[in-house]
Amino acid sequence: MPGVNKKNAEKLLSDIQKKIQNWNEQSSFTLKGVKNLSMADLETLELYADTYIRTGGFYGLMEPRGAIAQVLVKYNIVVA
């Protein structure tokens, strides 16, 4: 269901933007229960979500691992 996953990727981008708006230098972030995400993690997640929206997959990117992969799974963003 690429359409559903695309909407999930768009939701992830929206959630990231909300977190960034409340950012301060000492912030660590939580998305869908995945804790201790850094600003760099949020930027990486934006890249994965943008790429998924444009291509329907993670073409040209490394396989997501660790907390990045956990967030993508929680948002049900998977490669078809």
C-alpha atoms as a PDB file:
ATOM      1  CA  MET A   1       0.000   0.000   0.000  1.00  0.00           C
ATOM      2  CA  PRO A   2       2.304   2.774  -1.205  1.00  0.00           C
ATOM      3  CA  GLY A   3      -0.354   5.470  -0.697  1.00  0.00           C
ATOM      4  CA  VAL A   4      -0.792   4.615   2.964  1.00  0.00           C
ATOM      5  CA  ASN A   5       2.961   4.551   3.532  1.00  0.00           C
ATOM      6  CA  LYS A   6       3.326   7.902   1.764  1.00  0.00           C
ATOM      7  CA  LYS A   7       0.774   9.407   4.164  1.00  0.00           C
ATOM      8  CA  ASN A   8       2.715   7.902   7.063  1.00  0.00           C
ATOM      9  CA  ALA A   9       5.904   9.519   5.734  1.00  0.00           C
ATOM     10  CA  GLU A  10       4.097  12.861   5.467  1.00  0.00           C
ATOM     11  CA  LYS A  11       2.886  12.445   9.081  1.00  0.00           C
ATOM     12  CA  LEU A  12       6.468  11.729  10.168  1.00  0.00           C
ATOM     13  CA  LEU A  13       7.655  14.947   8.483  1.00  0.00           C
ATOM     14  CA  SER A  14       4.895  16.900  10.208  1.00  0.00           C
ATOM     15  CA  ASP A  15       5.791  15.439  13.604  1.00  0.00           C
ATOM     16  CA  ILE A  16       9.485  16.226  13.064  1.00  0.00           C
ATOM     17  CA  GLN A  17       8.687  19.849  12.251  1.00  0.00           C
ATOM     18  CA  LYS A  18       6.669  20.167  15.474  1.00  0.00           C
ATOM     19  CA  LYS A  19       9.579  18.759  17.486  1.00  0.00           C
ATOM     20  CA  ILE A  20      12.089  21.109  15.816  1.00  0.00           C
ATOM     21  CA  GLN A  21       9.914  24.127  16.622  1.00  0.00           C
ATOM     22  CA  ASN A  22      10.278  23.312  20.330  1.00  0.00           C
ATOM     23  CA  TRP A  23      14.018  22.640  20.097  1.00  0.00           C
ATOM     24  CA  ASN A  24      16.645  24.043  22.386  1.00  0.00           C
ATOM     25  CA  GLU A  25      20.317  23.139  22.692  1.00  0.00           C
ATOM     26  CA  GLN A  26      19.661  20.600  25.425  1.00  0.00           C
ATOM     27  CA  SER A  27      16.769  18.832  23.738  1.00  0.00           C
ATOM     28  CA  SER A  28      16.590  15.183  22.966  1.00  0.00           C
ATOM     29  CA  PHE A  29      13.498  14.065  21.160  1.00  0.00           C
ATOM     30  CA  THR A  30      10.979  11.231  21.330  1.00  0.00           C
ATOM     31  CA  LEU A  31       8.896  10.066  18.370  1.00  0.00           C
ATOM     32  CA  LYS A  32       6.314   7.286  18.796  1.00  0.00           C
ATOM     33  CA  GLY A  33       8.081   6.028  21.919  1.00  0.00           C
ATOM     34  CA  VAL A  34      11.604   5.995  20.452  1.00  0.00           C
ATOM     35  CA  LYS A  35      13.582   8.122  22.908  1.00  0.00           C
ATOM     36  CA  ASN A  36      16.831  10.077  22.940  1.00  0.00           C
ATOM     37  CA  LEU A  37      16.730  11.130  19.289  1.00  0.00           C
ATOM     38  CA  SER A  38      19.145  13.931  18.431  1.00  0.00           C
ATOM     39  CA  MET A  39      18.681  16.793  15.997  1.00  0.00           C
ATOM     40  CA  ALA A  40      20.874  14.832  13.576  1.00  0.00           C
ATOM     41  CA  ASP A  41      18.507  11.852  13.930  1.00  0.00           C
ATOM     42  CA  LEU A  42      15.534  14.082  13.080  1.00  0.00           C
ATOM     43  CA  GLU A  43      17.367  15.428  10.032  1.00  0.00           C
ATOM     44  CA  THR A  44      18.170  11.874   8.933  1.00  0.00           C
ATOM     45  CA  LEU A  45      14.531  10.864   9.404  1.00  0.00           C
ATOM     46  CA  GLU A  46      13.487  13.854   7.280  1.00  0.00           C
ATOM     47  CA  LEU A  47      15.806  12.626   4.535  1.00  0.00           C
ATOM     48  CA  TYR A  48      14.351   9.113   4.678  1.00  0.00           C
ATOM     49  CA  ALA A  49      10.757  10.400   4.694  1.00  0.00           C
ATOM     50  CA  ASP A  50      11.384  12.861   1.831  1.00  0.00           C
ATOM     51  CA  THR A  51      13.078  10.146  -0.204  1.00  0.00           C
ATOM     52  CA  TYR A  52      10.223   7.745   0.463  1.00  0.00           C
ATOM     53  CA  ILE A  53       7.640  10.324  -0.604  1.00  0.00           C
ATOM     54  CA  ARG A  54       9.527  11.065  -3.836  1.00  0.00           C
ATOM     55  CA  THR A  55      10.563   7.539  -4.826  1.00  0.00           C
ATOM     56  CA  GLY A  56       8.394   5.091  -2.912  1.00  0.00           C
ATOM     57  CA  GLY A  57      11.484   3.637  -1.243  1.00  0.00           C
ATOM     58  CA  PHE A  58      14.869   4.476   0.184  1.00  0.00           C
ATOM     59  CA  TYR A  59      16.759   4.389  -3.108  1.00  0.00           C
ATOM     60  CA  GLY A  60      20.339   5.592  -2.818  1.00  0.00           C
ATOM     61  CA  LEU A  61      20.276   5.570   0.997  1.00  0.00           C
ATOM     62  CA  MET A  62      21.831   3.098   3.388  1.00  0.00           C
ATOM     63  CA  GLU A  63      19.517   0.623   5.047  1.00  0.00           C
ATOM     64  CA  PRO A  64      18.119   2.391   8.132  1.00  0.00           C
ATOM     65  CA  ARG A  65      19.409   1.018  11.429  1.00  0.00           C
ATOM     66  CA  GLY A  66      19.060   1.613  15.148  1.00  0.00           C
ATOM     67  CA  ALA A  67      16.727   4.353  16.329  1.00  0.00           C
ATOM     68  CA  ILE A  68      16.154   5.574  12.755  1.00  0.00           C
ATOM     69  CA  ALA A  69      14.846   2.151  11.731  1.00  0.00           C
ATOM     70  CA  GLN A  70      12.742   1.931  14.906  1.00  0.00           C
ATOM     71  CA  VAL A  71      10.996   5.223  14.119  1.00  0.00           C
ATOM     72  CA  LEU A  72      10.344   4.196  10.503  1.00  0.00           C
ATOM     73  CA  VAL A  73       8.824   0.913  11.729  1.00  0.00           C
ATOM     74  CA  LYS A  74       6.644   2.748  14.282  1.00  0.00           C
ATOM     75  CA  TYR A  75       5.333   4.999  11.477  1.00  0.00           C
ATOM     76  CA  ASN A  76       4.812   1.883   9.315  1.00  0.00           C
ATOM     77  CA  ILE A  77       7.013   3.244   6.550  1.00  0.00           C
ATOM     78  CA  VAL A  78       8.339   0.218   4.726  1.00  0.00           C
ATOM     79  CA  VAL A  79       9.905  -0.446   1.371  1.00  0.00           C
ATOM     80  CA  ALA A  80       7.504  -2.346  -0.880  1.00  0.00           C
END
